[in-house]
N, C-alpha and C. Protein backbone atom coordinates (compact mmCIF):
# COMPACT_ATOMS: atom_id res chain seq x y z
N UNK A 1 9.63 111.85 113.87
CA UNK A 1 10.10 110.62 113.31
C UNK A 1 10.43 109.69 114.45
N UNK A 2 9.78 108.52 114.48
CA UNK A 2 9.86 107.59 115.56
C UNK A 2 10.78 106.46 115.09
N UNK A 3 11.55 105.89 115.96
CA UNK A 3 12.39 104.77 115.64
C UNK A 3 11.73 103.55 116.04
N UNK A 4 11.60 102.56 115.15
CA UNK A 4 10.89 101.33 115.48
C UNK A 4 11.90 100.42 116.12
N UNK A 5 11.51 99.88 117.25
CA UNK A 5 12.40 98.91 117.93
C UNK A 5 11.66 97.57 118.09
N UNK A 6 11.41 97.05 116.90
CA UNK A 6 10.79 95.74 116.82
C UNK A 6 11.88 94.68 116.79
N UNK A 7 12.19 94.18 117.96
CA UNK A 7 13.22 93.24 118.09
C UNK A 7 12.82 91.82 117.92
N UNK A 8 11.64 91.49 118.44
CA UNK A 8 11.17 90.24 118.43
C UNK A 8 11.51 89.40 119.67
N UNK A 9 10.70 88.50 119.96
CA UNK A 9 11.00 87.72 121.21
C UNK A 9 12.02 86.64 121.01
N UNK A 10 12.31 86.21 119.73
CA UNK A 10 13.41 85.27 119.49
C UNK A 10 14.72 85.93 119.75
N UNK A 11 14.86 87.23 119.41
CA UNK A 11 16.11 87.95 119.57
C UNK A 11 16.40 88.15 121.04
N UNK A 12 15.32 88.47 121.73
CA UNK A 12 15.47 88.74 123.24
C UNK A 12 15.85 87.45 123.93
N UNK A 13 15.28 86.33 123.49
CA UNK A 13 15.66 85.09 124.19
C UNK A 13 17.10 84.69 123.89
N UNK A 14 17.59 84.94 122.62
CA UNK A 14 19.01 84.71 122.33
C UNK A 14 19.87 85.61 123.17
N UNK A 15 19.50 86.84 123.30
CA UNK A 15 20.31 87.73 124.20
C UNK A 15 20.31 87.33 125.60
N UNK A 16 19.22 86.78 126.15
CA UNK A 16 19.09 86.24 127.48
C UNK A 16 20.14 85.04 127.64
N UNK A 17 20.20 84.24 126.67
CA UNK A 17 21.08 83.06 126.73
C UNK A 17 22.51 83.54 126.70
N UNK A 18 22.78 84.41 125.80
CA UNK A 18 24.15 84.90 125.65
C UNK A 18 24.59 85.69 126.93
N UNK A 19 23.74 86.46 127.52
CA UNK A 19 24.08 87.20 128.69
C UNK A 19 24.27 86.31 129.91
N UNK A 20 23.47 85.23 129.98
CA UNK A 20 23.70 84.30 131.08
C UNK A 20 24.97 83.54 131.02
N UNK A 21 25.38 83.18 129.72
CA UNK A 21 26.68 82.59 129.54
C UNK A 21 27.84 83.53 129.85
N UNK A 22 27.71 84.83 129.55
CA UNK A 22 28.71 85.76 129.89
C UNK A 22 28.79 85.87 131.42
N UNK A 23 27.64 86.00 132.05
CA UNK A 23 27.62 86.04 133.52
C UNK A 23 28.16 84.75 134.20
N UNK A 24 28.00 83.60 133.45
CA UNK A 24 28.53 82.40 134.01
C UNK A 24 30.09 82.34 133.91
N UNK A 25 30.65 82.97 132.90
CA UNK A 25 32.09 83.01 132.76
C UNK A 25 32.70 84.02 133.64
N UNK A 26 32.01 85.10 133.97
CA UNK A 26 32.48 86.10 134.82
C UNK A 26 32.32 85.75 136.31
N UNK A 27 31.16 85.38 136.68
CA UNK A 27 30.86 85.04 138.12
C UNK A 27 31.06 83.62 138.40
N UNK A 28 32.08 83.21 139.10
CA UNK A 28 32.35 81.90 139.46
C UNK A 28 32.61 81.77 141.00
N UNK A 29 32.12 82.75 141.70
CA UNK A 29 32.39 82.77 143.14
C UNK A 29 31.40 81.89 143.96
N UNK A 30 30.11 82.11 143.80
CA UNK A 30 29.13 81.46 144.60
C UNK A 30 28.39 80.39 143.69
N UNK A 31 28.13 79.27 144.36
CA UNK A 31 27.48 78.25 143.64
C UNK A 31 25.99 78.63 143.35
N UNK A 32 25.35 79.35 144.23
CA UNK A 32 24.02 79.79 144.08
C UNK A 32 23.87 80.66 142.82
N UNK A 33 24.87 81.56 142.59
CA UNK A 33 24.81 82.36 141.44
C UNK A 33 25.03 81.57 140.13
N UNK A 34 25.77 80.63 140.16
CA UNK A 34 25.99 79.75 139.04
C UNK A 34 24.73 79.01 138.71
N UNK A 35 24.03 78.46 139.73
CA UNK A 35 22.77 77.78 139.49
C UNK A 35 21.76 78.72 138.94
N UNK A 36 21.64 79.95 139.44
CA UNK A 36 20.67 80.93 138.91
C UNK A 36 21.01 81.25 137.46
N UNK A 37 22.27 81.34 137.11
CA UNK A 37 22.60 81.58 135.68
C UNK A 37 22.24 80.41 134.84
N UNK A 38 22.31 79.16 135.32
CA UNK A 38 21.90 78.01 134.58
C UNK A 38 20.36 78.03 134.37
N UNK A 39 19.68 78.42 135.34
CA UNK A 39 18.22 78.59 135.20
C UNK A 39 17.86 79.72 134.18
N UNK A 40 18.69 80.80 134.14
CA UNK A 40 18.49 81.79 133.08
C UNK A 40 18.66 81.23 131.74
N UNK A 41 19.63 80.32 131.52
CA UNK A 41 19.86 79.73 130.23
C UNK A 41 18.67 78.78 129.80
N UNK A 42 18.18 78.09 130.82
CA UNK A 42 17.03 77.23 130.55
C UNK A 42 15.78 78.11 130.22
N UNK A 43 15.63 79.19 130.90
CA UNK A 43 14.53 80.07 130.55
C UNK A 43 14.60 80.73 129.20
N UNK A 44 15.86 81.10 128.84
CA UNK A 44 16.09 81.59 127.48
C UNK A 44 15.84 80.53 126.42
N UNK A 45 16.29 79.30 126.64
CA UNK A 45 15.97 78.26 125.66
C UNK A 45 14.46 77.94 125.57
N UNK A 46 13.78 78.02 126.71
CA UNK A 46 12.31 77.82 126.72
C UNK A 46 11.65 78.96 125.86
N UNK A 47 12.01 80.09 126.15
CA UNK A 47 11.38 81.25 125.38
C UNK A 47 11.72 81.24 123.96
N UNK A 48 12.93 80.77 123.59
CA UNK A 48 13.37 80.72 122.22
C UNK A 48 12.54 79.58 121.53
N UNK A 49 12.38 78.45 122.19
CA UNK A 49 11.56 77.40 121.54
C UNK A 49 10.13 77.80 121.39
N UNK A 50 9.59 78.53 122.46
CA UNK A 50 8.15 78.83 122.36
C UNK A 50 7.87 80.02 121.42
N UNK A 51 8.69 80.99 121.42
CA UNK A 51 8.35 82.15 120.56
C UNK A 51 9.12 82.25 119.32
N UNK A 52 10.41 81.79 119.33
CA UNK A 52 11.29 81.97 118.20
C UNK A 52 11.07 80.99 117.03
N UNK A 53 10.70 79.78 117.32
CA UNK A 53 10.53 78.74 116.35
C UNK A 53 9.15 78.70 115.75
N UNK A 54 8.24 79.50 116.28
CA UNK A 54 6.84 79.46 115.76
C UNK A 54 6.04 78.34 116.44
N UNK A 55 4.76 78.35 116.13
CA UNK A 55 3.88 77.42 116.75
C UNK A 55 3.82 76.06 116.01
N UNK A 56 3.75 75.09 116.78
CA UNK A 56 3.65 73.75 116.24
C UNK A 56 3.55 72.79 117.37
N UNK A 57 2.86 71.65 117.16
CA UNK A 57 2.51 70.71 118.19
C UNK A 57 3.88 70.11 118.75
N UNK A 58 4.81 69.77 117.87
CA UNK A 58 6.04 69.19 118.26
C UNK A 58 6.88 70.18 119.08
N UNK A 59 6.81 71.48 118.81
CA UNK A 59 7.48 72.50 119.54
C UNK A 59 6.95 72.62 120.97
N UNK A 60 5.66 72.36 121.15
CA UNK A 60 5.07 72.41 122.48
C UNK A 60 5.56 71.23 123.27
N UNK A 61 5.67 70.03 122.72
CA UNK A 61 6.11 68.78 123.46
C UNK A 61 7.63 69.03 123.81
N UNK A 62 8.32 69.59 122.95
CA UNK A 62 9.78 69.85 123.19
C UNK A 62 9.92 70.87 124.35
N UNK A 63 9.03 71.88 124.39
CA UNK A 63 9.01 72.84 125.48
C UNK A 63 8.70 72.17 126.82
N UNK A 64 7.74 71.22 126.76
CA UNK A 64 7.42 70.47 128.03
C UNK A 64 8.60 69.69 128.48
N UNK A 65 9.27 68.98 127.60
CA UNK A 65 10.46 68.21 127.98
C UNK A 65 11.51 69.08 128.50
N UNK A 66 11.75 70.28 127.91
CA UNK A 66 12.78 71.23 128.38
C UNK A 66 12.46 71.72 129.80
N UNK A 67 11.12 72.03 130.06
CA UNK A 67 10.75 72.50 131.37
C UNK A 67 10.96 71.34 132.38
N UNK A 68 10.66 70.12 132.02
CA UNK A 68 10.91 69.00 132.91
C UNK A 68 12.31 68.81 133.28
N UNK A 69 13.25 68.93 132.23
CA UNK A 69 14.69 68.83 132.55
C UNK A 69 15.15 70.01 133.34
N UNK A 70 14.55 71.21 133.13
CA UNK A 70 14.93 72.37 133.95
C UNK A 70 14.59 72.17 135.37
N UNK A 71 13.41 71.63 135.62
CA UNK A 71 12.95 71.39 137.03
C UNK A 71 13.89 70.31 137.72
N UNK A 72 14.21 69.32 136.96
CA UNK A 72 15.08 68.29 137.53
C UNK A 72 16.49 68.86 137.81
N UNK A 73 16.97 69.77 136.86
CA UNK A 73 18.26 70.38 137.14
C UNK A 73 18.25 71.31 138.35
N UNK A 74 17.15 71.99 138.51
CA UNK A 74 17.03 72.88 139.73
C UNK A 74 16.97 72.16 140.92
N UNK A 75 16.33 70.95 140.94
CA UNK A 75 16.20 70.18 142.14
C UNK A 75 17.64 69.56 142.55
N UNK A 76 18.35 69.04 141.53
CA UNK A 76 19.67 68.46 141.81
C UNK A 76 20.60 69.56 142.25
N UNK A 77 20.55 70.74 141.59
CA UNK A 77 21.42 71.88 141.99
C UNK A 77 21.15 72.30 143.43
N UNK A 78 19.92 72.38 143.75
CA UNK A 78 19.54 72.86 145.19
C UNK A 78 20.02 71.80 146.20
N UNK A 79 19.86 70.46 145.90
CA UNK A 79 20.37 69.51 146.85
C UNK A 79 21.91 69.50 146.95
N UNK A 80 22.59 69.73 145.87
CA UNK A 80 24.04 69.84 145.90
C UNK A 80 24.38 71.07 146.72
N UNK A 81 23.67 72.18 146.55
CA UNK A 81 23.93 73.41 147.28
C UNK A 81 23.79 73.22 148.79
N UNK A 82 22.72 72.50 149.18
CA UNK A 82 22.44 72.27 150.61
C UNK A 82 23.52 71.37 151.16
N UNK A 83 23.87 70.34 150.48
CA UNK A 83 24.92 69.39 150.99
C UNK A 83 26.27 70.15 151.04
N UNK A 84 26.57 70.98 150.09
CA UNK A 84 27.87 71.73 150.16
C UNK A 84 27.91 72.72 151.41
N UNK A 85 26.81 73.34 151.65
CA UNK A 85 26.75 74.27 152.79
C UNK A 85 26.83 73.55 154.08
N UNK A 86 26.18 72.31 154.13
CA UNK A 86 26.33 71.56 155.36
C UNK A 86 27.69 71.05 155.57
N UNK A 87 28.43 70.66 154.57
CA UNK A 87 29.67 70.14 154.79
C UNK A 87 30.82 71.16 154.95
N UNK A 88 30.79 72.21 154.07
CA UNK A 88 31.86 73.20 154.08
C UNK A 88 31.47 74.48 154.86
N UNK A 89 30.25 74.75 155.01
CA UNK A 89 29.85 76.01 155.72
C UNK A 89 29.63 77.14 154.87
N UNK A 90 29.91 77.11 153.61
CA UNK A 90 29.66 78.18 152.63
C UNK A 90 29.40 77.64 151.30
N UNK A 91 29.04 78.59 150.36
CA UNK A 91 28.74 78.13 148.99
C UNK A 91 29.85 78.64 147.92
N UNK A 92 31.00 78.83 148.36
CA UNK A 92 32.08 79.25 147.46
C UNK A 92 32.47 78.12 146.61
N UNK A 93 32.69 78.34 145.31
CA UNK A 93 33.14 77.32 144.47
C UNK A 93 34.57 76.99 144.64
N UNK A 94 35.31 78.01 145.16
CA UNK A 94 36.72 77.74 145.54
C UNK A 94 36.97 76.77 146.62
N UNK A 95 35.91 76.57 147.49
CA UNK A 95 36.01 75.58 148.54
C UNK A 95 35.97 74.15 148.03
N UNK A 96 35.60 73.99 146.85
CA UNK A 96 35.61 72.56 146.23
C UNK A 96 36.99 72.30 145.71
N UNK A 97 37.61 71.38 146.34
CA UNK A 97 38.95 70.91 145.86
C UNK A 97 38.92 69.42 145.65
N UNK A 98 39.81 68.92 144.86
CA UNK A 98 39.89 67.55 144.56
C UNK A 98 40.55 66.74 145.73
N UNK A 99 41.36 67.34 146.54
CA UNK A 99 42.10 66.71 147.53
C UNK A 99 41.34 66.44 148.85
N UNK A 100 40.20 67.07 149.01
CA UNK A 100 39.32 66.82 150.16
C UNK A 100 38.44 65.63 149.85
N UNK A 101 38.34 64.76 150.88
CA UNK A 101 37.40 63.67 150.77
C UNK A 101 36.36 63.62 151.86
């Protein structure tokens, strides 16, 4: 007797989003790790739109918009990471304080 493990790609994408949010709440030490978890959320949303909602022309356009926003978010996050490392010397989130100018 075999156990069927037909989860579906929609369920897997929802689990990817939830695990990325859990990782985001747990890991707040390095800014690079936070940015990678944001990218995992975008990847989960992309896969949920592509596989979970079914096929349709409007879904493909929405996926294209989501990938464009994900690329812009990655570029802005990488530029902030580089500027943070140049000014503070590390990428710890705890190094960001309100009192420093």
